[in-house]
Amino acid sequence: MRYCGSCHCKAIVFEFESDEIKNALQCNCSICIRKNAIMSAQYYERSQFTLLAGEDNLSVYHWGDNDVNHYFCKNCGIYPFHDSIYEPGRYRINLGCVDSLSSRDLSVVFFDGKNKL
């Protein structure tokens, strides 16, 4: 399936290929708790993900061990996706930014990022 998504102001627009999304991931680290993000359970390879618009509107936030690139829109502040410095170009998607999904209706697996377990 092809999924389309964007930040809130639509300055950042992306699409990605995936099997039907039925599951999601929620992390309890300090940044994810504050973002309250429901993320894709899997990472998507560069070949599955296309940034259609907004590269100039993307900014990145690093914290702690600086291993994750938390991308966000400079205009509206929404986090649409992230990758890691260890595997750049493998994206985990904020499913709340995907047009055809209701992220809160998905089966959510919880990840203990707070304790890195």
PDB file of N, CA and C in Angstrom:
ATOM      1  N   MET A   1       0.843  -1.182   0.000  1.00  0.00           N
ATOM      2  CA  MET A   1       0.000   0.000   0.000  1.00  0.00           C
ATOM      3  C   MET A   1       0.885   1.242   0.000  1.00  0.00           C
ATOM      4  N   ARG A   2       0.358   2.287  -0.589  1.00  0.00           N
ATOM      5  CA  ARG A   2       1.046   3.577  -0.556  1.00  0.00           C
ATOM      6  C   ARG A   2       0.320   4.456   0.456  1.00  0.00           C
ATOM      7  N   TYR A   3       1.063   4.948   1.438  1.00  0.00           N
ATOM      8  CA  TYR A   3       0.528   5.851   2.447  1.00  0.00           C
ATOM      9  C   TYR A   3       1.103   7.244   2.217  1.00  0.00           C
ATOM     10  N   CYS A   4       0.287   8.258   2.442  1.00  0.00           N
ATOM     11  CA  CYS A   4       0.717   9.645   2.314  1.00  0.00           C
ATOM     12  C   CYS A   4       0.566  10.337   3.658  1.00  0.00           C
ATOM     13  N   GLY A   5       1.473  11.262   3.929  1.00  0.00           N
ATOM     14  CA  GLY A   5       1.404  11.977   5.188  1.00  0.00           C
ATOM     15  C   GLY A   5       1.999  13.363   5.075  1.00  0.00           C
ATOM     16  N   SER A   6       1.830  14.122   6.156  1.00  0.00           N
ATOM     17  CA  SER A   6       2.348  15.485   6.189  1.00  0.00           C
ATOM     18  C   SER A   6       2.416  15.967   7.631  1.00  0.00           C
ATOM     19  N   CYS A   7       3.100  17.080   7.803  1.00  0.00           N
ATOM     20  CA  CYS A   7       3.039  17.773   9.075  1.00  0.00           C
ATOM     21  C   CYS A   7       1.692  18.504   9.136  1.00  0.00           C
ATOM     22  N   HIS A   8       1.425  19.222  10.183  1.00  0.00           N
ATOM     23  CA  HIS A   8       0.130  19.884  10.350  1.00  0.00           C
ATOM     24  C   HIS A   8      -0.118  20.971   9.309  1.00  0.00           C
ATOM     25  N   CYS A   9       0.903  21.774   9.000  1.00  0.00           N
ATOM     26  CA  CYS A   9       0.727  22.886   8.057  1.00  0.00           C
ATOM     27  C   CYS A   9       0.921  22.469   6.604  1.00  0.00           C
ATOM     28  N   LYS A  10       1.257  21.205   6.375  1.00  0.00           N
ATOM     29  CA  LYS A  10       1.461  20.628   5.046  1.00  0.00           C
ATOM     30  C   LYS A  10       2.708  21.153   4.332  1.00  0.00           C
ATOM     31  N   ALA A  11       3.619  21.776   5.077  1.00  0.00           N
ATOM     32  CA  ALA A  11       4.885  22.203   4.482  1.00  0.00           C
ATOM     33  C   ALA A  11       5.770  20.990   4.187  1.00  0.00           C
ATOM     34  N   ILE A  12       5.630  19.940   4.994  1.00  0.00           N
ATOM     35  CA  ILE A  12       6.373  18.691   4.790  1.00  0.00           C
ATOM     36  C   ILE A  12       5.373  17.631   4.350  1.00  0.00           C
ATOM     37  N   VAL A  13       5.625  17.053   3.191  1.00  0.00           N
ATOM     38  CA  VAL A  13       4.746  16.024   2.631  1.00  0.00           C
ATOM     39  C   VAL A  13       5.609  14.824   2.248  1.00  0.00           C
ATOM     40  N   PHE A  14       5.141  13.638   2.603  1.00  0.00           N
ATOM     41  CA  PHE A  14       5.904  12.425   2.319  1.00  0.00           C
ATOM     42  C   PHE A  14       4.946  11.291   1.963  1.00  0.00           C
ATOM     43  N   GLU A  15       5.522  10.240   1.401  1.00  0.00           N
ATOM     44  CA  GLU A  15       4.777   9.014   1.146  1.00  0.00           C
ATOM     45  C   GLU A  15       5.696   7.841   1.418  1.00  0.00           C
ATOM     46  N   PHE A  16       5.068   6.692   1.670  1.00  0.00           N
ATOM     47  CA  PHE A  16       5.867   5.486   1.893  1.00  0.00           C
ATOM     48  C   PHE A  16       5.042   4.265   1.528  1.00  0.00           C
ATOM     49  N   GLU A  17       5.751   3.205   1.194  1.00  0.00           N
ATOM     50  CA  GLU A  17       5.153   1.928   0.830  1.00  0.00           C
ATOM     51  C   GLU A  17       5.212   1.004   2.037  1.00  0.00           C
ATOM     52  N   SER A  18       4.104   0.304   2.287  1.00  0.00           N
ATOM     53  CA  SER A  18       4.053  -0.594   3.430  1.00  0.00           C
ATOM     54  C   SER A  18       2.944  -1.609   3.233  1.00  0.00           C
ATOM     55  N   ASP A  19       3.091  -2.733   3.893  1.00  0.00           N
ATOM     56  CA  ASP A  19       1.940  -3.603   4.049  1.00  0.00           C
ATOM     57  C   ASP A  19       0.909  -2.819   4.849  1.00  0.00           C
ATOM     58  N   GLU A  20      -0.310  -3.296   4.889  1.00  0.00           N
ATOM     59  CA  GLU A  20      -1.336  -2.607   5.664  1.00  0.00           C
ATOM     60  C   GLU A  20      -0.858  -2.437   7.108  1.00  0.00           C
ATOM     61  N   ILE A  21      -0.981  -1.232   7.614  1.00  0.00           N
ATOM     62  CA  ILE A  21      -0.515  -0.931   8.966  1.00  0.00           C
ATOM     63  C   ILE A  21      -1.624  -1.247   9.962  1.00  0.00           C
ATOM     64  N   LYS A  22      -1.332  -2.192  10.847  1.00  0.00           N
ATOM     65  CA  LYS A  22      -2.285  -2.605  11.872  1.00  0.00           C
ATOM     66  C   LYS A  22      -1.730  -2.411  13.277  1.00  0.00           C
ATOM     67  N   ASN A  23      -0.402  -2.261  13.372  1.00  0.00           N
ATOM     68  CA  ASN A  23       0.274  -2.151  14.659  1.00  0.00           C
ATOM     69  C   ASN A  23       1.089  -0.874  14.720  1.00  0.00           C
ATOM     70  N   ALA A  24       1.356  -0.443  15.930  1.00  0.00           N
ATOM     71  CA  ALA A  24       2.134   0.772  16.142  1.00  0.00           C
ATOM     72  C   ALA A  24       3.023   0.589  17.358  1.00  0.00           C
ATOM     73  N   LEU A  25       3.867   1.574  17.589  1.00  0.00           N
ATOM     74  CA  LEU A  25       4.812   1.555  18.698  1.00  0.00           C
ATOM     75  C   LEU A  25       4.689   2.865  19.461  1.00  0.00           C
ATOM     76  N   GLN A  26       4.740   2.780  20.764  1.00  0.00           N
ATOM     77  CA  GLN A  26       4.788   3.978  21.592  1.00  0.00           C
ATOM     78  C   GLN A  26       5.909   3.805  22.598  1.00  0.00           C
ATOM     79  N   CYS A  27       6.764   4.800  22.689  1.00  0.00           N
ATOM     80  CA  CYS A  27       7.962   4.762  23.532  1.00  0.00           C
ATOM     81  C   CYS A  27       7.738   5.647  24.754  1.00  0.00           C
ATOM     82  N   ASN A  28       8.384   5.291  25.863  1.00  0.00           N
ATOM     83  CA  ASN A  28       8.229   6.072  27.083  1.00  0.00           C
ATOM     84  C   ASN A  28       9.456   6.917  27.432  1.00  0.00           C
ATOM     85  N   CYS A  29      10.364   7.122  26.473  1.00  0.00           N
ATOM     86  CA  CYS A  29      11.496   8.007  26.761  1.00  0.00           C
ATOM     87  C   CYS A  29      10.974   9.438  26.911  1.00  0.00           C
ATOM     88  N   SER A  30      11.794  10.322  27.448  1.00  0.00           N
ATOM     89  CA  SER A  30      11.307  11.664  27.779  1.00  0.00           C
ATOM     90  C   SER A  30      10.804  12.441  26.563  1.00  0.00           C
ATOM     91  N   ILE A  31      11.428  12.303  25.409  1.00  0.00           N
ATOM     92  CA  ILE A  31      10.958  13.058  24.240  1.00  0.00           C
ATOM     93  C   ILE A  31       9.677  12.452  23.668  1.00  0.00           C
ATOM     94  N   CYS A  32       9.593  11.133  23.605  1.00  0.00           N
ATOM     95  CA  CYS A  32       8.383  10.501  23.058  1.00  0.00           C
ATOM     96  C   CYS A  32       7.173  10.733  23.963  1.00  0.00           C
ATOM     97  N   ILE A  33       7.390  10.716  25.273  1.00  0.00           N
ATOM     98  CA  ILE A  33       6.291  11.009  26.198  1.00  0.00           C
ATOM     99  C   ILE A  33       5.787  12.422  25.954  1.00  0.00           C
ATOM    100  N   ARG A  34       6.689  13.366  25.783  1.00  0.00           N
ATOM    101  CA  ARG A  34       6.290  14.751  25.565  1.00  0.00           C
ATOM    102  C   ARG A  34       5.632  14.947  24.200  1.00  0.00           C
ATOM    103  N   LYS A  35       6.098  14.218  23.172  1.00  0.00           N
ATOM    104  CA  LYS A  35       5.484  14.304  21.840  1.00  0.00           C
ATOM    105  C   LYS A  35       4.168  13.533  21.791  1.00  0.00           C
ATOM    106  N   ASN A  36       4.035  12.540  22.678  1.00  0.00           N
ATOM    107  CA  ASN A  36       2.880  11.641  22.687  1.00  0.00           C
ATOM    108  C   ASN A  36       2.683  10.984  21.314  1.00  0.00           C
ATOM    109  N   ALA A  37       3.787  10.642  20.691  1.00  0.00           N
ATOM    110  CA  ALA A  37       3.744  10.095  19.340  1.00  0.00           C
ATOM    111  C   ALA A  37       3.409   8.608  19.332  1.00  0.00           C
ATOM    112  N   ILE A  38       2.627   8.221  18.357  1.00  0.00           N
ATOM    113  CA  ILE A  38       2.380   6.817  18.049  1.00  0.00           C
ATOM    114  C   ILE A  38       3.085   6.571  16.725  1.00  0.00           C
ATOM    115  N   MET A  39       4.132   5.743  16.772  1.00  0.00           N
ATOM    116  CA  MET A  39       5.027   5.573  15.633  1.00  0.00           C
ATOM    117  C   MET A  39       4.800   4.244  14.926  1.00  0.00           C
ATOM    118  N   SER A  40       5.310   4.177  13.717  1.00  0.00           N
ATOM    119  CA  SER A  40       5.278   2.908  13.003  1.00  0.00           C
ATOM    120  C   SER A  40       6.066   1.876  13.790  1.00  0.00           C
ATOM    121  N   ALA A  41       5.578   0.670  13.801  1.00  0.00           N
ATOM    122  CA  ALA A  41       6.253  -0.413  14.511  1.00  0.00           C
ATOM    123  C   ALA A  41       7.538  -0.822  13.795  1.00  0.00           C
ATOM    124  N   GLN A  42       7.639  -0.503  12.545  1.00  0.00           N
ATOM    125  CA  GLN A  42       8.824  -0.855  11.780  1.00  0.00           C
ATOM    126  C   GLN A  42       9.484   0.391  11.212  1.00  0.00           C
ATOM    127  N   TYR A  43      10.736   0.231  10.831  1.00  0.00           N
ATOM    128  CA  TYR A  43      11.436   1.262  10.074  1.00  0.00           C
ATOM    129  C   TYR A  43      11.198   1.002   8.603  1.00  0.00           C
ATOM    130  N   TYR A  44      11.158   2.072   7.824  1.00  0.00           N
ATOM    131  CA  TYR A  44      10.992   1.958   6.379  1.00  0.00           C
ATOM    132  C   TYR A  44      12.290   2.357   5.701  1.00  0.00           C
ATOM    133  N   GLU A  45      12.714   1.528   4.780  1.00  0.00           N
ATOM    134  CA  GLU A  45      13.957   1.753   4.046  1.00  0.00           C
ATOM    135  C   GLU A  45      13.823   2.973   3.137  1.00  0.00           C
ATOM    136  N   ARG A  46      14.961   3.525   2.776  1.00  0.00           N
ATOM    137  CA  ARG A  46      15.002   4.674   1.873  1.00  0.00           C
ATOM    138  C   ARG A  46      14.224   4.410   0.584  1.00  0.00           C
ATOM    139  N   SER A  47      14.259   3.187   0.103  1.00  0.00           N
ATOM    140  CA  SER A  47      13.543   2.837  -1.131  1.00  0.00           C
ATOM    141  C   SER A  47      12.020   2.822  -0.939  1.00  0.00           C
ATOM    142  N   GLN A  48      11.557   2.755   0.299  1.00  0.00           N
ATOM    143  CA  GLN A  48      10.123   2.733   0.592  1.00  0.00           C
ATOM    144  C   GLN A  48       9.578   4.110   0.950  1.00  0.00           C
ATOM    145  N   PHE A  49      10.445   5.077   1.203  1.00  0.00           N
ATOM    146  CA  PHE A  49      10.068   6.389   1.728  1.00  0.00           C
ATOM    147  C   PHE A  49      10.494   7.490   0.763  1.00  0.00           C
ATOM    148  N   THR A  50       9.576   8.433   0.496  1.00  0.00           N
ATOM    149  CA  THR A  50       9.895   9.567  -0.367  1.00  0.00           C
ATOM    150  C   THR A  50       9.423  10.850   0.287  1.00  0.00           C
ATOM    151  N   LEU A  51      10.334  11.787   0.456  1.00  0.00           N
ATOM    152  CA  LEU A  51       9.973  13.125   0.898  1.00  0.00           C
ATOM    153  C   LEU A  51       9.557  13.895  -0.346  1.00  0.00           C
ATOM    154  N   LEU A  52       8.275  14.230  -0.441  1.00  0.00           N
ATOM    155  CA  LEU A  52       7.740  14.885  -1.637  1.00  0.00           C
ATOM    156  C   LEU A  52       7.906  16.392  -1.605  1.00  0.00           C
ATOM    157  N   ALA A  53       7.857  16.975  -0.417  1.00  0.00           N
ATOM    158  CA  ALA A  53       7.979  18.431  -0.285  1.00  0.00           C
ATOM    159  C   ALA A  53       8.439  18.770   1.120  1.00  0.00           C
ATOM    160  N   GLY A  54       9.163  19.888   1.224  1.00  0.00           N
ATOM    161  CA  GLY A  54       9.459  20.442   2.525  1.00  0.00           C
ATOM    162  C   GLY A  54      10.836  20.208   3.096  1.00  0.00           C
ATOM    163  N   GLU A  55      11.770  19.732   2.304  1.00  0.00           N
ATOM    164  CA  GLU A  55      13.105  19.483   2.850  1.00  0.00           C
ATOM    165  C   GLU A  55      13.665  20.739   3.532  1.00  0.00           C
ATOM    166  N   ASP A  56      13.432  21.914   2.953  1.00  0.00           N
ATOM    167  CA  ASP A  56      13.920  23.164   3.545  1.00  0.00           C
ATOM    168  C   ASP A  56      13.190  23.531   4.830  1.00  0.00           C
ATOM    169  N   ASN A  57      12.022  22.938   5.071  1.00  0.00           N
ATOM    170  CA  ASN A  57      11.260  23.212   6.285  1.00  0.00           C
ATOM    171  C   ASN A  57      11.568  22.233   7.415  1.00  0.00           C
ATOM    172  N   LEU A  58      12.369  21.219   7.126  1.00  0.00           N
ATOM    173  CA  LEU A  58      12.732  20.238   8.154  1.00  0.00           C
ATOM    174  C   LEU A  58      13.877  20.748   9.015  1.00  0.00           C
ATOM    175  N   SER A  59      13.751  20.510  10.284  1.00  0.00           N
ATOM    176  CA  SER A  59      14.840  20.738  11.214  1.00  0.00           C
ATOM    177  C   SER A  59      14.998  19.456  12.018  1.00  0.00           C
ATOM    178  N   VAL A  60      16.092  19.340  12.737  1.00  0.00           N
ATOM    179  CA  VAL A  60      16.346  18.110  13.488  1.00  0.00           C
ATOM    180  C   VAL A  60      16.704  18.469  14.928  1.00  0.00           C
ATOM    181  N   TYR A  61      16.245  17.624  15.833  1.00  0.00           N
ATOM    182  CA  TYR A  61      16.544  17.788  17.247  1.00  0.00           C
ATOM    183  C   TYR A  61      17.270  16.545  17.740  1.00  0.00           C
ATOM    184  N   HIS A  62      18.384  16.755  18.435  1.00  0.00           N
ATOM    185  CA  HIS A  62      19.143  15.673  19.065  1.00  0.00           C
ATOM    186  C   HIS A  62      19.142  15.907  20.563  1.00  0.00           C
ATOM    187  N   TRP A  63      19.104  14.834  21.312  1.00  0.00           N
ATOM    188  CA  TRP A  63      19.207  14.948  22.771  1.00  0.00           C
ATOM    189  C   TRP A  63      19.878  13.698  23.310  1.00  0.00           C
ATOM    190  N   GLY A  64      20.231  13.734  24.586  1.00  0.00           N
ATOM    191  CA  GLY A  64      20.812  12.559  25.234  1.00  0.00           C
ATOM    192  C   GLY A  64      22.033  12.050  24.514  1.00  0.00           C
ATOM    193  N   ASP A  65      21.957  10.818  24.051  1.00  0.00           N
ATOM    194  CA  ASP A  65      23.101  10.207  23.382  1.00  0.00           C
ATOM    195  C   ASP A  65      23.204  10.584  21.904  1.00  0.00           C
ATOM    196  N   ASN A  66      22.333  11.462  21.423  1.00  0.00           N
ATOM    197  CA  ASN A  66      22.370  11.997  20.053  1.00  0.00           C
ATOM    198  C   ASN A  66      22.261  10.938  18.970  1.00  0.00           C
ATOM    199  N   ASP A  67      21.664   9.794  19.282  1.00  0.00           N
ATOM    200  CA  ASP A  67      21.628   8.720  18.285  1.00  0.00           C
ATOM    201  C   ASP A  67      20.406   8.749  17.379  1.00  0.00           C
ATOM    202  N   VAL A  68      19.418   9.589  17.686  1.00  0.00           N
ATOM    203  CA  VAL A  68      18.209   9.657  16.861  1.00  0.00           C
ATOM    204  C   VAL A  68      18.062  11.058  16.284  1.00  0.00           C
ATOM    205  N   ASN A  69      17.772  11.126  14.985  1.00  0.00           N
ATOM    206  CA  ASN A  69      17.464  12.387  14.311  1.00  0.00           C
ATOM    207  C   ASN A  69      15.956  12.589  14.389  1.00  0.00           C
ATOM    208  N   HIS A  70      15.517  13.415  15.327  1.00  0.00           N
ATOM    209  CA  HIS A  70      14.089  13.716  15.482  1.00  0.00           C
ATOM    210  C   HIS A  70      13.765  14.893  14.573  1.00  0.00           C
ATOM    211  N   TYR A  71      13.190  14.606  13.404  1.00  0.00           N
ATOM    212  CA  TYR A  71      12.866  15.662  12.451  1.00  0.00           C
ATOM    213  C   TYR A  71      11.560  16.334  12.840  1.00  0.00           C
ATOM    214  N   PHE A  72      11.490  17.641  12.618  1.00  0.00           N
ATOM    215  CA  PHE A  72      10.261  18.372  12.868  1.00  0.00           C
ATOM    216  C   PHE A  72      10.148  19.530  11.884  1.00  0.00           C
ATOM    217  N   CYS A  73       8.927  20.013  11.697  1.00  0.00           N
ATOM    218  CA  CYS A  73       8.659  21.119  10.790  1.00  0.00           C
ATOM    219  C   CYS A  73       9.000  22.441  11.475  1.00  0.00           C
ATOM    220  N   LYS A  74       9.770  23.287  10.799  1.00  0.00           N
ATOM    221  CA  LYS A  74      10.140  24.596  11.331  1.00  0.00           C
ATOM    222  C   LYS A  74       8.928  25.510  11.479  1.00  0.00           C
ATOM    223  N   ASN A  75       7.871  25.238  10.694  1.00  0.00           N
ATOM    224  CA  ASN A  75       6.692  26.102  10.726  1.00  0.00           C
ATOM    225  C   ASN A  75       5.718  25.726  11.833  1.00  0.00           C
ATOM    226  N   CYS A  76       5.293  24.467  11.867  1.00  0.00           N
ATOM    227  CA  CYS A  76       4.242  24.062  12.814  1.00  0.00           C
ATOM    228  C   CYS A  76       4.773  23.245  13.986  1.00  0.00           C
ATOM    229  N   GLY A  77       6.023  22.788  13.918  1.00  0.00           N
ATOM    230  CA  GLY A  77       6.633  22.067  15.021  1.00  0.00           C
ATOM    231  C   GLY A  77       6.317  20.586  15.089  1.00  0.00           C
ATOM    232  N   ILE A  78       5.536  20.068  14.150  1.00  0.00           N
ATOM    233  CA  ILE A  78       5.133  18.658  14.192  1.00  0.00           C
ATOM    234  C   ILE A  78       6.275  17.744  13.773  1.00  0.00           C
ATOM    235  N   TYR A  79       6.382  16.619  14.491  1.00  0.00           N
ATOM    236  CA  TYR A  79       7.369  15.570  14.215  1.00  0.00           C
ATOM    237  C   TYR A  79       6.739  14.550  13.274  1.00  0.00           C
ATOM    238  N   PRO A  80       7.165  14.489  12.002  1.00  0.00           N
ATOM    239  CA  PRO A  80       6.573  13.521  11.068  1.00  0.00           C
ATOM    240  C   PRO A  80       7.294  12.168  11.009  1.00  0.00           C
ATOM    241  N   PHE A  81       8.611  12.151  11.302  1.00  0.00           N
ATOM    242  CA  PHE A  81       9.380  10.906  11.192  1.00  0.00           C
ATOM    243  C   PHE A  81      10.743  11.106  11.841  1.00  0.00           C
ATOM    244  N   HIS A  82      11.449   9.990  12.034  1.00  0.00           N
ATOM    245  CA  HIS A  82      12.828  10.054  12.509  1.00  0.00           C
ATOM    246  C   HIS A  82      13.643   8.916  11.919  1.00  0.00           C
ATOM    247  N   ASP A  83      14.950   9.073  11.981  1.00  0.00           N
ATOM    248  CA  ASP A  83      15.880   7.993  11.665  1.00  0.00           C
ATOM    249  C   ASP A  83      16.999   8.059  12.703  1.00  0.00           C
ATOM    250  N   SER A  84      17.959   7.166  12.609  1.00  0.00           N
ATOM    251  CA  SER A  84      19.046   7.178  13.585  1.00  0.00           C
ATOM    252  C   SER A  84      20.356   7.514  12.886  1.00  0.00           C
ATOM    253  N   ILE A  85      21.314   7.958  13.664  1.00  0.00           N
ATOM    254  CA  ILE A  85      22.621   8.256  13.081  1.00  0.00           C
ATOM    255  C   ILE A  85      23.330   6.981  12.654  1.00  0.00           C
ATOM    256  N   TYR A  86      22.901   5.842  13.215  1.00  0.00           N
ATOM    257  CA  TYR A  86      23.515   4.559  12.881  1.00  0.00           C
ATOM    258  C   TYR A  86      22.961   3.979  11.585  1.00  0.00           C
ATOM    259  N   GLU A  87      21.714   4.316  11.287  1.00  0.00           N
ATOM    260  CA  GLU A  87      21.074   3.829  10.065  1.00  0.00           C
ATOM    261  C   GLU A  87      20.286   4.963   9.409  1.00  0.00           C
ATOM    262  N   PRO A  88      20.998   5.993   8.938  1.00  0.00           N
ATOM    263  CA  PRO A  88      20.294   7.109   8.299  1.00  0.00           C
ATOM    264  C   PRO A  88      19.516   6.628   7.074  1.00  0.00           C
ATOM    265  N   GLY A  89      18.351   7.213   6.885  1.00  0.00           N
ATOM    266  CA  GLY A  89      17.534   6.824   5.739  1.00  0.00           C
ATOM    267  C   GLY A  89      16.623   5.646   6.006  1.00  0.00           C
ATOM    268  N   ARG A  90      16.598   5.133   7.217  1.00  0.00           N
ATOM    269  CA  ARG A  90      15.622   4.112   7.642  1.00  0.00           C
ATOM    270  C   ARG A  90      14.681   4.822   8.604  1.00  0.00           C
ATOM    271  N   TYR A  91      13.478   5.108   8.125  1.00  0.00           N
ATOM    272  CA  TYR A  91      12.578   6.002   8.838  1.00  0.00           C
ATOM    273  C   TYR A  91      11.502   5.277   9.633  1.00  0.00           C
ATOM    274  N   ARG A  92      11.253   5.775  10.820  1.00  0.00           N
ATOM    275  CA  ARG A  92      10.086   5.388  11.594  1.00  0.00           C
ATOM    276  C   ARG A  92       9.135   6.583  11.478  1.00  0.00           C
ATOM    277  N   ILE A  93       7.871   6.317  11.189  1.00  0.00           N
ATOM    278  CA  ILE A  93       6.894   7.353  10.856  1.00  0.00           C
ATOM    279  C   ILE A  93       5.999   7.657  12.047  1.00  0.00           C
ATOM    280  N   ASN A  94       5.699   8.928  12.260  1.00  0.00           N
ATOM    281  CA  ASN A  94       4.675   9.331  13.222  1.00  0.00           C
ATOM    282  C   ASN A  94       3.331   9.046  12.551  1.00  0.00           C
ATOM    283  N   LEU A  95       2.640   8.014  12.979  1.00  0.00           N
ATOM    284  CA  LEU A  95       1.417   7.577  12.311  1.00  0.00           C
ATOM    285  C   LEU A  95       0.271   8.573  12.457  1.00  0.00           C
ATOM    286  N   GLY A  96       0.382   9.510  13.384  1.00  0.00           N
ATOM    287  CA  GLY A  96      -0.597  10.586  13.482  1.00  0.00           C
ATOM    288  C   GLY A  96      -0.518  11.552  12.316  1.00  0.00           C
ATOM    289  N   CYS A  97       0.568  11.484  11.553  1.00  0.00           N
ATOM    290  CA  CYS A  97       0.760  12.345  10.378  1.00  0.00           C
ATOM    291  C   CYS A  97       0.315  11.675   9.081  1.00  0.00           C
ATOM    292  N   VAL A  98      -0.150  10.436   9.159  1.00  0.00           N
ATOM    293  CA  VAL A  98      -0.540   9.686   7.955  1.00  0.00           C
ATOM    294  C   VAL A  98      -2.024   9.903   7.698  1.00  0.00           C
ATOM    295  N   ASP A  99      -2.332  10.371   6.492  1.00  0.00           N
ATOM    296  CA  ASP A  99      -3.688  10.796   6.139  1.00  0.00           C
ATOM    297  C   ASP A  99      -4.759   9.738   6.339  1.00  0.00           C
ATOM    298  N   SER A 100      -4.500   8.522   5.944  1.00  0.00           N
ATOM    299  CA  SER A 100      -5.551   7.500   5.907  1.00  0.00           C
ATOM    300  C   SER A 100      -5.590   6.601   7.142  1.00  0.00           C
ATOM    301  N   LEU A 101      -4.885   6.979   8.205  1.00  0.00           N
ATOM    302  CA  LEU A 101      -4.848   6.158   9.412  1.00  0.00           C
ATOM    303  C   LEU A 101      -5.433   6.894  10.604  1.00  0.00           C
ATOM    304  N   SER A 102      -6.013   6.130  11.492  1.00  0.00           N
ATOM    305  CA  SER A 102      -6.387   6.636  12.806  1.00  0.00           C
ATOM    306  C   SER A 102      -5.437   5.965  13.792  1.00  0.00           C
ATOM    307  N   SER A 103      -4.348   6.638  14.101  1.00  0.00           N
ATOM    308  CA  SER A 103      -3.262   6.009  14.859  1.00  0.00           C
ATOM    309  C   SER A 103      -3.708   5.506  16.228  1.00  0.00           C
ATOM    310  N   ARG A 104      -4.670   6.126  16.822  1.00  0.00           N
ATOM    311  CA  ARG A 104      -5.125   5.721  18.160  1.00  0.00           C
ATOM    312  C   ARG A 104      -6.017   4.480  18.128  1.00  0.00           C
ATOM    313  N   ASP A 105      -6.396   4.041  16.931  1.00  0.00           N
ATOM    314  CA  ASP A 105      -7.197   2.829  16.799  1.00  0.00           C
ATOM    315  C   ASP A 105      -6.349   1.594  16.510  1.00  0.00           C
ATOM    316  N   LEU A 106      -5.043   1.772  16.362  1.00  0.00           N
ATOM    317  CA  LEU A 106      -4.149   0.656  16.060  1.00  0.00           C
ATOM    318  C   LEU A 106      -3.778  -0.099  17.336  1.00  0.00           C
ATOM    319  N   SER A 107      -3.338  -1.326  17.169  1.00  0.00           N
ATOM    320  CA  SER A 107      -2.801  -2.104  18.279  1.00  0.00           C
ATOM    321  C   SER A 107      -1.412  -1.551  18.592  1.00  0.00           C
ATOM    322  N   VAL A 108      -1.204  -1.056  19.810  1.00  0.00           N
ATOM    323  CA  VAL A 108       0.040  -0.375  20.161  1.00  0.00           C
ATOM    324  C   VAL A 108       0.900  -1.250  21.073  1.00  0.00           C
ATOM    325  N   VAL A 109       2.153  -1.409  20.688  1.00  0.00           N
ATOM    326  CA  VAL A 109       3.159  -2.087  21.493  1.00  0.00           C
ATOM    327  C   VAL A 109       3.963  -0.994  22.191  1.00  0.00           C
ATOM    328  N   PHE A 110       4.241  -1.187  23.465  1.00  0.00           N
ATOM    329  CA  PHE A 110       4.983  -0.189  24.221  1.00  0.00           C
ATOM    330  C   PHE A 110       6.453  -0.583  24.301  1.00  0.00           C
ATOM    331  N   PHE A 111       7.327   0.403  24.061  1.00  0.00           N
ATOM    332  CA  PHE A 111       8.775   0.207  24.082  1.00  0.00           C
ATOM    333  C   PHE A 111       9.350   0.989  25.251  1.00  0.00           C
ATOM    334  N   ASP A 112      10.171   0.359  26.061  1.00  0.00           N
ATOM    335  CA  ASP A 112      10.764   1.013  27.223  1.00  0.00           C
ATOM    336  C   ASP A 112      12.047   1.725  26.834  1.00  0.00           C
ATOM    337  N   GLY A 113      11.904   2.836  26.141  1.00  0.00           N
ATOM    338  CA  GLY A 113      13.061   3.647  25.759  1.00  0.00           C
ATOM    339  C   GLY A 113      13.642   4.411  26.927  1.00  0.00           C
ATOM    340  N   LYS A 114      12.849   4.623  27.955  1.00  0.00           N
ATOM    341  CA  LYS A 114      13.309   5.322  29.156  1.00  0.00           C
ATOM    342  C   LYS A 114      14.452   4.548  29.805  1.00  0.00           C
ATOM    343  N   ASN A 115      14.310   3.230  29.854  1.00  0.00           N
ATOM    344  CA  ASN A 115      15.327   2.376  30.451  1.00  0.00           C
ATOM    345  C   ASN A 115      16.124   1.611  29.415  1.00  0.00           C
ATOM    346  N   LYS A 116      15.851   1.899  28.121  1.00  0.00           N
ATOM    347  CA  LYS A 116      16.517   1.262  26.973  1.00  0.00           C
ATOM    348  C   LYS A 116      16.491  -0.247  27.070  1.00  0.00           C
ATOM    349  N   LEU A 117      15.305  -0.772  27.383  1.00  0.00           N
ATOM    350  CA  LEU A 117      15.134  -2.226  27.473  1.00  0.00           C
ATOM    351  C   LEU A 117      14.333  -2.733  26.303  1.00  0.00           C
TER     352      LEU A 117
END
